[in-house]
Structure formats: C-alpha cells, structure tokens
Amino acid sequence: QEAGNDGKTQSPEAGMMLPVELVHPQDEKTKEPRSLVAFYMAGIGVMFLLFSTTGAAGSLLDDEEAGILDRILCTPMGMGKLLVANWLWVSILGMISMVVLMLFATFAFGLGPWTGARAVAAIVITIFTASAASGFGMLLASLCRTRAQLGGISTIVILVMSALGGS
C-alpha cells in the first residue's frame, strides 16, 4: 500500500483511496495523549505474568516426580494447606515480577508519571492480576501429568488467550 498526498492509504490493486486515519490514543477527560508504553506494558506484562506463574506452579509436578509430595501429604499439613501455601508463594513471585517490570518500564521507557492515584491503582491491579494468574497457573499444573506437558499446553493456552485479549 502506498500513502497518498493527503495522508490516506491507497490500495495499488483497486486504485482507490481508503480512509485511514492514524490516531494516537487520548485520555477522555484531559484529551492528552496516552502513553503507548503503558498500553504495551500492560498487555505484555499480563502475558509474561501468566507464563511465569504457570512455570512456578509447575513446582508441584516436580515435587510429585521426586516423591516429595507424597511425604508432605502424610503430614498434618494436608493438600488444602499445601495448595494455599503454593498459591500464595507463586502470587508473591508474580507481584515481585510485575513491580520489577514496571520499574524497568519507568526507567528504560519513561512509563509514568507516577501520581498517588496511579501508584495505588497499579498496586491493586498487580495484586489481583498476580493472584488470578497464579491460580490459573496452578489449575493448568493440576491438569497436567509432567512438566513437559505443562510447558506445551500452557504455551498454547496462554498465547491463544493473549491473542484473543488483544495482547
């Protein structure tokens, strides 16, 4: 496709002008341009979070393969406490990963400005997103028998979900 003199895109096959206007996203209230860094960080960040929490939740499969899980289940801890503890640990790892990703995006790509309301919103979203992603990762890990199976299935499922979600 070639650009015409008036900034619109022209299709060489049809010889017609297609009305295409490139618009930078704007804030609805202030009409200021929104940061594309924030847009991409949010989309890629969630996909990264899904992959990392699914990989971390695969530690249950490693414990089962090594025979550690059977020994833990013989203790008074039980399966419920084990799953809650693992979910909590994977959630904390996910939260730390997102904070590191946001700090990198801030210093390397100018994400911000970080006002009080934006920082609180980022913290709340990080907590809930990491918790949900770790629960999803543990669900996928519980449905798989081996680490290799988890890797293949999680890659397909996460990429399809990310593509459908717009990431």
N, C-alpha and C. Protein backbone atom coordinates (compact mmCIF):
# COMPACT_ATOMS: atom_id res chain seq x y z
N GLN A 1 0.84 -1.18 0.00
CA GLN A 1 0.00 0.00 0.00
C GLN A 1 0.88 1.23 0.00
N GLU A 2 0.40 2.26 -0.67
CA GLU A 2 1.15 3.50 -0.75
C GLU A 2 0.35 4.63 -0.12
N ALA A 3 1.05 5.57 0.47
CA ALA A 3 0.39 6.73 1.07
C ALA A 3 0.19 7.80 0.02
N GLY A 4 -0.99 8.37 -0.03
CA GLY A 4 -1.29 9.46 -0.95
C GLY A 4 -0.79 10.78 -0.39
N ASN A 5 -1.03 11.84 -1.13
CA ASN A 5 -0.57 13.16 -0.71
C ASN A 5 -1.31 13.68 0.51
N ASP A 6 -2.56 13.25 0.71
CA ASP A 6 -3.35 13.77 1.82
C ASP A 6 -3.23 12.91 3.08
N GLY A 7 -2.29 11.94 3.12
CA GLY A 7 -2.07 11.14 4.32
C GLY A 7 -2.94 9.89 4.40
N LYS A 8 -3.79 9.67 3.41
CA LYS A 8 -4.64 8.49 3.42
C LYS A 8 -3.96 7.36 2.66
N THR A 9 -4.33 6.14 2.95
CA THR A 9 -3.68 4.99 2.35
C THR A 9 -4.37 4.63 1.04
N GLN A 10 -3.55 4.33 0.03
CA GLN A 10 -4.08 3.99 -1.28
C GLN A 10 -3.74 2.55 -1.58
N SER A 11 -4.73 1.79 -2.04
CA SER A 11 -4.53 0.40 -2.41
C SER A 11 -4.09 0.33 -3.86
N PRO A 12 -2.92 -0.29 -4.14
CA PRO A 12 -2.46 -0.32 -5.54
C PRO A 12 -3.34 -1.19 -6.42
N GLU A 13 -3.97 -2.22 -5.85
CA GLU A 13 -4.80 -3.11 -6.66
C GLU A 13 -6.06 -2.41 -7.15
N ALA A 14 -6.73 -1.72 -6.25
CA ALA A 14 -8.01 -1.12 -6.60
C ALA A 14 -7.85 0.28 -7.17
N GLY A 15 -6.74 0.93 -6.89
CA GLY A 15 -6.56 2.30 -7.36
C GLY A 15 -7.48 3.27 -6.64
N MET A 16 -8.00 2.86 -5.48
CA MET A 16 -8.94 3.71 -4.73
C MET A 16 -8.28 4.19 -3.45
N MET A 17 -8.81 5.25 -2.90
CA MET A 17 -8.33 5.77 -1.64
C MET A 17 -9.13 5.14 -0.50
N LEU A 18 -8.44 4.62 0.50
CA LEU A 18 -9.09 4.08 1.69
C LEU A 18 -8.95 5.10 2.81
N PRO A 19 -10.04 5.46 3.44
CA PRO A 19 -9.94 6.47 4.51
C PRO A 19 -9.36 5.86 5.80
N VAL A 20 -8.06 6.02 5.98
CA VAL A 20 -7.39 5.51 7.17
C VAL A 20 -6.77 6.70 7.88
N GLU A 21 -7.11 6.86 9.14
CA GLU A 21 -6.57 7.95 9.92
C GLU A 21 -5.84 7.38 11.12
N LEU A 22 -4.57 7.73 11.28
CA LEU A 22 -3.79 7.28 12.41
C LEU A 22 -4.03 8.23 13.57
N VAL A 23 -4.55 7.68 14.66
CA VAL A 23 -4.89 8.50 15.82
C VAL A 23 -4.14 7.97 17.02
N HIS A 24 -3.46 8.87 17.73
CA HIS A 24 -2.80 8.50 18.97
C HIS A 24 -3.85 8.46 20.07
N PRO A 25 -3.88 7.39 20.90
CA PRO A 25 -4.92 7.32 21.94
C PRO A 25 -4.83 8.51 22.90
N GLN A 26 -6.02 9.02 23.29
CA GLN A 26 -6.08 10.18 24.18
C GLN A 26 -6.85 9.85 25.44
N ASP A 27 -6.54 10.56 26.51
CA ASP A 27 -7.29 10.46 27.74
C ASP A 27 -8.64 11.14 27.50
N GLU A 28 -9.73 10.50 27.92
CA GLU A 28 -11.06 11.03 27.67
C GLU A 28 -11.30 12.36 28.39
N LYS A 29 -10.75 12.51 29.59
CA LYS A 29 -11.01 13.73 30.38
C LYS A 29 -10.10 14.88 29.97
N THR A 30 -8.80 14.62 29.92
CA THR A 30 -7.84 15.71 29.69
C THR A 30 -7.48 15.90 28.22
N LYS A 31 -7.83 14.96 27.38
CA LYS A 31 -7.52 14.99 25.94
C LYS A 31 -6.02 14.98 25.68
N GLU A 32 -5.22 14.57 26.69
CA GLU A 32 -3.78 14.44 26.50
C GLU A 32 -3.47 13.07 25.92
N PRO A 33 -2.40 12.96 25.13
CA PRO A 33 -2.06 11.65 24.56
C PRO A 33 -1.70 10.64 25.65
N ARG A 34 -2.21 9.43 25.49
CA ARG A 34 -1.88 8.36 26.44
C ARG A 34 -0.55 7.74 26.05
N SER A 35 0.09 7.15 27.03
CA SER A 35 1.38 6.52 26.80
C SER A 35 1.20 5.15 26.16
N LEU A 36 1.83 4.94 25.03
CA LEU A 36 1.80 3.61 24.43
C LEU A 36 2.66 2.64 25.21
N VAL A 37 3.62 3.16 25.97
CA VAL A 37 4.44 2.30 26.82
C VAL A 37 3.56 1.63 27.86
N ALA A 38 2.64 2.38 28.46
CA ALA A 38 1.73 1.81 29.46
C ALA A 38 0.82 0.77 28.82
N PHE A 39 0.35 1.03 27.62
CA PHE A 39 -0.52 0.09 26.91
C PHE A 39 0.21 -1.23 26.65
N TYR A 40 1.42 -1.14 26.10
CA TYR A 40 2.16 -2.35 25.80
C TYR A 40 2.66 -3.05 27.06
N MET A 41 3.03 -2.28 28.08
CA MET A 41 3.49 -2.89 29.33
C MET A 41 2.36 -3.69 29.97
N ALA A 42 1.14 -3.18 29.90
CA ALA A 42 0.02 -3.89 30.49
C ALA A 42 -0.26 -5.20 29.74
N GLY A 43 -0.27 -5.15 28.43
CA GLY A 43 -0.56 -6.36 27.64
C GLY A 43 0.55 -7.39 27.75
N ILE A 44 1.77 -6.97 27.55
CA ILE A 44 2.90 -7.89 27.63
C ILE A 44 3.13 -8.33 29.07
N GLY A 45 2.88 -7.42 30.02
CA GLY A 45 3.06 -7.75 31.43
C GLY A 45 2.17 -8.89 31.89
N VAL A 46 0.92 -8.86 31.48
CA VAL A 46 -0.01 -9.93 31.87
C VAL A 46 0.39 -11.24 31.21
N MET A 47 0.80 -11.20 29.95
CA MET A 47 1.23 -12.42 29.28
C MET A 47 2.49 -12.97 29.96
N PHE A 48 3.43 -12.11 30.28
CA PHE A 48 4.63 -12.52 31.00
C PHE A 48 4.27 -13.12 32.35
N LEU A 49 3.32 -12.50 33.04
CA LEU A 49 2.87 -12.98 34.35
C LEU A 49 2.24 -14.36 34.24
N LEU A 50 1.45 -14.59 33.21
CA LEU A 50 0.84 -15.91 33.02
C LEU A 50 1.89 -16.98 32.78
N PHE A 51 2.89 -16.67 31.96
CA PHE A 51 3.95 -17.65 31.71
C PHE A 51 4.77 -17.92 32.97
N SER A 52 5.13 -16.87 33.70
CA SER A 52 5.98 -17.08 34.87
C SER A 52 5.24 -17.79 35.99
N THR A 53 3.98 -17.46 36.22
CA THR A 53 3.25 -18.14 37.29
C THR A 53 2.93 -19.58 36.93
N THR A 54 2.70 -19.85 35.68
CA THR A 54 2.46 -21.24 35.27
C THR A 54 3.73 -22.06 35.45
N GLY A 55 4.86 -21.49 35.09
CA GLY A 55 6.13 -22.19 35.30
C GLY A 55 6.42 -22.43 36.76
N ALA A 56 6.13 -21.43 37.60
CA ALA A 56 6.36 -21.59 39.04
C ALA A 56 5.40 -22.60 39.65
N ALA A 57 4.17 -22.63 39.16
CA ALA A 57 3.20 -23.59 39.68
C ALA A 57 3.58 -25.02 39.30
N GLY A 58 4.42 -25.16 38.29
CA GLY A 58 4.89 -26.48 37.89
C GLY A 58 5.79 -27.13 38.93
N SER A 59 6.15 -26.38 39.96
CA SER A 59 6.96 -26.98 41.04
C SER A 59 6.20 -28.10 41.73
N LEU A 60 4.88 -28.05 41.70
CA LEU A 60 4.09 -29.17 42.25
C LEU A 60 4.35 -30.46 41.47
N LEU A 61 4.51 -30.33 40.16
CA LEU A 61 4.81 -31.52 39.34
C LEU A 61 6.21 -32.04 39.64
N ASP A 62 7.13 -31.13 39.87
CA ASP A 62 8.49 -31.54 40.24
C ASP A 62 8.49 -32.27 41.58
N ASP A 63 7.72 -31.74 42.53
CA ASP A 63 7.63 -32.39 43.85
C ASP A 63 7.00 -33.77 43.76
N GLU A 64 6.01 -33.90 42.90
CA GLU A 64 5.37 -35.20 42.72
C GLU A 64 6.34 -36.20 42.09
N GLU A 65 7.07 -35.75 41.09
CA GLU A 65 8.02 -36.62 40.40
C GLU A 65 9.15 -37.08 41.33
N ALA A 66 9.58 -36.19 42.23
CA ALA A 66 10.67 -36.53 43.15
C ALA A 66 10.18 -37.32 44.37
N GLY A 67 8.88 -37.45 44.54
CA GLY A 67 8.34 -38.19 45.67
C GLY A 67 8.16 -37.35 46.92
N ILE A 68 8.43 -36.06 46.81
CA ILE A 68 8.30 -35.17 47.96
C ILE A 68 6.84 -34.93 48.30
N LEU A 69 6.00 -34.85 47.29
CA LEU A 69 4.59 -34.57 47.51
C LEU A 69 3.91 -35.65 48.35
N ASP A 70 4.25 -36.90 48.12
CA ASP A 70 3.67 -37.99 48.92
C ASP A 70 4.05 -37.86 50.39
N ARG A 71 5.29 -37.49 50.63
CA ARG A 71 5.74 -37.33 52.02
C ARG A 71 5.07 -36.13 52.70
N ILE A 72 4.87 -35.05 51.95
CA ILE A 72 4.21 -33.87 52.52
C ILE A 72 2.75 -34.19 52.85
N LEU A 73 2.10 -34.95 51.98
CA LEU A 73 0.70 -35.27 52.21
C LEU A 73 0.49 -36.23 53.39
N CYS A 74 1.53 -36.91 53.84
CA CYS A 74 1.44 -37.77 55.02
C CYS A 74 1.51 -36.97 56.32
N THR A 75 1.88 -35.70 56.22
CA THR A 75 1.97 -34.85 57.40
C THR A 75 0.60 -34.24 57.69
N PRO A 76 0.44 -33.60 58.84
CA PRO A 76 -0.83 -32.95 59.15
C PRO A 76 -1.16 -31.76 58.23
N MET A 77 -0.19 -31.34 57.42
CA MET A 77 -0.42 -30.18 56.55
C MET A 77 -1.60 -30.42 55.60
N GLY A 78 -1.62 -31.53 54.91
CA GLY A 78 -2.72 -31.84 54.01
C GLY A 78 -2.63 -31.10 52.68
N MET A 79 -3.47 -31.52 51.76
CA MET A 79 -3.45 -30.97 50.40
C MET A 79 -3.96 -29.53 50.36
N GLY A 80 -4.99 -29.20 51.13
CA GLY A 80 -5.54 -27.85 51.11
C GLY A 80 -4.53 -26.80 51.52
N LYS A 81 -3.84 -27.02 52.63
CA LYS A 81 -2.85 -26.06 53.09
C LYS A 81 -1.66 -25.99 52.14
N LEU A 82 -1.30 -27.12 51.56
CA LEU A 82 -0.20 -27.14 50.60
C LEU A 82 -0.53 -26.29 49.38
N LEU A 83 -1.75 -26.44 48.86
CA LEU A 83 -2.15 -25.67 47.68
C LEU A 83 -2.26 -24.17 47.99
N VAL A 84 -2.78 -23.83 49.16
CA VAL A 84 -2.89 -22.42 49.53
C VAL A 84 -1.50 -21.81 49.69
N ALA A 85 -0.60 -22.53 50.33
CA ALA A 85 0.76 -22.03 50.52
C ALA A 85 1.47 -21.86 49.18
N ASN A 86 1.31 -22.82 48.28
CA ASN A 86 1.94 -22.74 46.97
C ASN A 86 1.34 -21.58 46.17
N TRP A 87 0.02 -21.42 46.23
CA TRP A 87 -0.64 -20.32 45.52
C TRP A 87 -0.16 -18.98 46.05
N LEU A 88 -0.03 -18.87 47.37
CA LEU A 88 0.43 -17.63 47.96
C LEU A 88 1.87 -17.31 47.54
N TRP A 89 2.73 -18.32 47.53
CA TRP A 89 4.13 -18.13 47.13
C TRP A 89 4.22 -17.72 45.66
N VAL A 90 3.48 -18.38 44.80
CA VAL A 90 3.52 -18.05 43.36
C VAL A 90 2.93 -16.66 43.14
N SER A 91 1.90 -16.29 43.91
CA SER A 91 1.33 -14.94 43.79
C SER A 91 2.35 -13.88 44.18
N ILE A 92 3.08 -14.10 45.25
CA ILE A 92 4.10 -13.14 45.69
C ILE A 92 5.20 -13.02 44.63
N LEU A 93 5.61 -14.15 44.06
CA LEU A 93 6.60 -14.09 42.98
C LEU A 93 6.08 -13.29 41.79
N GLY A 94 4.81 -13.48 41.45
CA GLY A 94 4.20 -12.73 40.36
C GLY A 94 4.14 -11.24 40.64
N MET A 95 3.81 -10.88 41.89
CA MET A 95 3.77 -9.46 42.26
C MET A 95 5.15 -8.83 42.16
N ILE A 96 6.14 -9.53 42.65
CA ILE A 96 7.51 -9.01 42.57
C ILE A 96 7.94 -8.86 41.11
N SER A 97 7.59 -9.82 40.28
CA SER A 97 7.92 -9.75 38.84
C SER A 97 7.28 -8.53 38.19
N MET A 98 6.02 -8.26 38.52
CA MET A 98 5.33 -7.11 37.93
C MET A 98 5.94 -5.79 38.40
N VAL A 99 6.33 -5.72 39.67
CA VAL A 99 6.96 -4.50 40.18
C VAL A 99 8.28 -4.26 39.45
N VAL A 100 9.07 -5.31 39.27
CA VAL A 100 10.33 -5.17 38.54
C VAL A 100 10.07 -4.74 37.10
N LEU A 101 9.04 -5.31 36.47
CA LEU A 101 8.71 -4.94 35.10
C LEU A 101 8.27 -3.48 35.01
N MET A 102 7.48 -3.02 35.98
CA MET A 102 7.04 -1.61 35.98
C MET A 102 8.22 -0.67 36.23
N LEU A 103 9.12 -1.05 37.12
CA LEU A 103 10.30 -0.21 37.36
C LEU A 103 11.18 -0.13 36.11
N PHE A 104 11.35 -1.26 35.44
CA PHE A 104 12.13 -1.25 34.21
C PHE A 104 11.47 -0.37 33.16
N ALA A 105 10.16 -0.50 33.00
CA ALA A 105 9.44 0.32 32.01
C ALA A 105 9.52 1.80 32.38
N THR A 106 9.54 2.11 33.67
CA THR A 106 9.64 3.51 34.11
C THR A 106 11.00 4.10 33.77
N PHE A 107 12.06 3.37 34.09
CA PHE A 107 13.41 3.91 33.89
C PHE A 107 13.90 3.78 32.45
N ALA A 108 13.53 2.71 31.77
CA ALA A 108 14.03 2.50 30.41
C ALA A 108 13.17 3.18 29.34
N PHE A 109 11.85 3.25 29.57
CA PHE A 109 10.95 3.74 28.52
C PHE A 109 10.09 4.93 28.94
N GLY A 110 10.29 5.43 30.16
CA GLY A 110 9.57 6.63 30.59
C GLY A 110 8.12 6.39 30.96
N LEU A 111 7.80 5.24 31.51
CA LEU A 111 6.44 4.98 31.97
C LEU A 111 6.14 5.93 33.11
N GLY A 112 4.99 6.50 33.13
CA GLY A 112 4.62 7.43 34.20
C GLY A 112 3.86 8.59 33.63
N PRO A 113 3.69 9.65 34.32
CA PRO A 113 4.18 9.97 35.66
C PRO A 113 3.42 9.19 36.73
N TRP A 114 4.12 8.88 37.81
CA TRP A 114 3.54 8.10 38.90
C TRP A 114 2.94 9.03 39.94
N THR A 115 1.67 9.33 39.80
CA THR A 115 0.96 10.10 40.82
C THR A 115 0.48 9.14 41.89
N GLY A 116 -0.03 9.66 42.98
CA GLY A 116 -0.51 8.80 44.07
C GLY A 116 -1.61 7.86 43.63
N ALA A 117 -2.58 8.37 42.87
CA ALA A 117 -3.70 7.54 42.43
C ALA A 117 -3.24 6.46 41.46
N ARG A 118 -2.33 6.79 40.58
CA ARG A 118 -1.83 5.79 39.63
C ARG A 118 -1.02 4.71 40.33
N ALA A 119 -0.25 5.10 41.32
CA ALA A 119 0.54 4.11 42.07
C ALA A 119 -0.36 3.16 42.84
N VAL A 120 -1.40 3.70 43.47
CA VAL A 120 -2.35 2.84 44.20
C VAL A 120 -3.07 1.92 43.23
N ALA A 121 -3.50 2.45 42.09
CA ALA A 121 -4.18 1.62 41.09
C ALA A 121 -3.25 0.52 40.57
N ALA A 122 -1.99 0.84 40.35
CA ALA A 122 -1.03 -0.16 39.87
C ALA A 122 -0.82 -1.25 40.91
N ILE A 123 -0.76 -0.87 42.19
CA ILE A 123 -0.59 -1.85 43.26
C ILE A 123 -1.79 -2.78 43.34
N VAL A 124 -2.98 -2.21 43.31
CA VAL A 124 -4.21 -3.02 43.40
C VAL A 124 -4.32 -3.97 42.20
N ILE A 125 -4.08 -3.44 41.02
CA ILE A 125 -4.16 -4.28 39.81
C ILE A 125 -3.10 -5.37 39.85
N THR A 126 -1.90 -5.04 40.32
CA THR A 126 -0.83 -6.04 40.42
C THR A 126 -1.21 -7.16 41.37
N ILE A 127 -1.77 -6.81 42.52
CA ILE A 127 -2.16 -7.84 43.50
C ILE A 127 -3.20 -8.78 42.92
N PHE A 128 -4.25 -8.22 42.34
CA PHE A 128 -5.33 -9.08 41.83
C PHE A 128 -4.92 -9.85 40.58
N THR A 129 -4.15 -9.22 39.70
CA THR A 129 -3.72 -9.92 38.49
C THR A 129 -2.75 -11.05 38.81
N ALA A 130 -1.81 -10.81 39.70
CA ALA A 130 -0.86 -11.86 40.08
C ALA A 130 -1.57 -13.01 40.79
N SER A 131 -2.54 -12.68 41.63
CA SER A 131 -3.29 -13.73 42.32
C SER A 131 -4.10 -14.58 41.35
N ALA A 132 -4.75 -13.93 40.40
CA ALA A 132 -5.53 -14.67 39.41
C ALA A 132 -4.63 -15.49 38.49
N ALA A 133 -3.50 -14.91 38.08
CA ALA A 133 -2.58 -15.64 37.19
C ALA A 133 -1.98 -16.84 37.90
N SER A 134 -1.68 -16.71 39.19
CA SER A 134 -1.12 -17.86 39.90
C SER A 134 -2.17 -18.95 40.09
N GLY A 135 -3.41 -18.56 40.32
CA GLY A 135 -4.49 -19.56 40.39
C GLY A 135 -4.67 -20.28 39.06
N PHE A 136 -4.58 -19.53 37.96
CA PHE A 136 -4.69 -20.13 36.64
C PHE A 136 -3.51 -21.06 36.36
N GLY A 137 -2.33 -20.63 36.77
CA GLY A 137 -1.14 -21.48 36.59
C GLY A 137 -1.25 -22.77 37.38
N MET A 138 -1.78 -22.68 38.59
CA MET A 138 -1.94 -23.89 39.40
C MET A 138 -3.03 -24.80 38.82
N LEU A 139 -4.06 -24.21 38.22
CA LEU A 139 -5.08 -25.02 37.55
C LEU A 139 -4.46 -25.80 36.40
N LEU A 140 -3.68 -25.10 35.57
CA LEU A 140 -3.02 -25.79 34.45
C LEU A 140 -2.07 -26.87 34.95
N ALA A 141 -1.33 -26.58 36.02
CA ALA A 141 -0.38 -27.56 36.56
C ALA A 141 -1.12 -28.78 37.11
N SER A 142 -2.29 -28.56 37.68
CA SER A 142 -3.04 -29.70 38.23
C SER A 142 -3.65 -30.57 37.14
N LEU A 143 -3.84 -30.01 35.96
CA LEU A 143 -4.42 -30.78 34.86
C LEU A 143 -3.36 -31.57 34.08
N CYS A 144 -2.09 -31.27 34.31
CA CYS A 144 -1.01 -31.92 33.56
C CYS A 144 -0.33 -32.98 34.42
N ARG A 145 0.29 -33.94 33.75
CA ARG A 145 1.00 -35.01 34.45
C ARG A 145 2.50 -34.77 34.54
N THR A 146 3.08 -34.08 33.55
CA THR A 146 4.52 -33.84 33.55
C THR A 146 4.81 -32.37 33.29
N ARG A 147 6.04 -31.97 33.57
CA ARG A 147 6.47 -30.60 33.34
C ARG A 147 6.46 -30.27 31.84
N ALA A 148 6.85 -31.23 31.01
CA ALA A 148 6.86 -31.02 29.56
C ALA A 148 5.43 -30.82 29.04
N GLN A 149 4.49 -31.57 29.56
CA GLN A 149 3.10 -31.41 29.16
C GLN A 149 2.58 -30.03 29.58
N LEU A 150 2.95 -29.61 30.78
CA LEU A 150 2.56 -28.28 31.25
C LEU A 150 3.13 -27.19 30.34
N GLY A 151 4.39 -27.34 29.95
CA GLY A 151 5.01 -26.35 29.07
C GLY A 151 4.29 -26.21 27.74
N GLY A 152 3.97 -27.33 27.13
CA GLY A 152 3.29 -27.28 25.83
C GLY A 152 1.87 -26.76 25.91
N ILE A 153 1.11 -27.27 26.85
CA ILE A 153 -0.29 -26.86 26.97
C ILE A 153 -0.39 -25.40 27.41
N SER A 154 0.44 -25.01 28.37
CA SER A 154 0.36 -23.62 28.85
C SER A 154 0.76 -22.63 27.76
N THR A 155 1.74 -22.97 26.95
CA THR A 155 2.13 -22.07 25.87
C THR A 155 0.99 -21.85 24.90
N ILE A 156 0.33 -22.91 24.49
CA ILE A 156 -0.79 -22.79 23.54
C ILE A 156 -1.93 -22.00 24.16
N VAL A 157 -2.32 -22.36 25.39
CA VAL A 157 -3.46 -21.71 26.03
C VAL A 157 -3.18 -20.23 26.29
N ILE A 158 -2.01 -19.90 26.79
CA ILE A 158 -1.69 -18.51 27.11
C ILE A 158 -1.57 -17.67 25.85
N LEU A 159 -0.96 -18.20 24.80
CA LEU A 159 -0.85 -17.42 23.56
C LEU A 159 -2.22 -17.19 22.91
N VAL A 160 -3.08 -18.19 22.96
CA VAL A 160 -4.44 -18.02 22.41
C VAL A 160 -5.21 -16.99 23.24
N MET A 161 -5.13 -17.10 24.57
CA MET A 161 -5.81 -16.12 25.42
C MET A 161 -5.27 -14.71 25.19
N SER A 162 -3.97 -14.57 25.05
CA SER A 162 -3.37 -13.26 24.83
C SER A 162 -3.77 -12.69 23.47
N ALA A 163 -3.82 -13.53 22.46
CA ALA A 163 -4.22 -13.06 21.14
C ALA A 163 -5.69 -12.62 21.14
N LEU A 164 -6.55 -13.40 21.79
CA LEU A 164 -7.96 -13.03 21.86
C LEU A 164 -8.17 -11.79 22.72
N GLY A 165 -7.32 -11.60 23.72
CA GLY A 165 -7.43 -10.44 24.59
C GLY A 165 -6.82 -9.17 24.04
N GLY A 166 -6.11 -9.27 22.94
CA GLY A 166 -5.54 -8.07 22.31
C GLY A 166 -4.09 -7.81 22.63
N SER A 167 -3.43 -8.74 23.28
CA SER A 167 -2.02 -8.55 23.62
C SER A 167 -1.17 -8.87 22.42
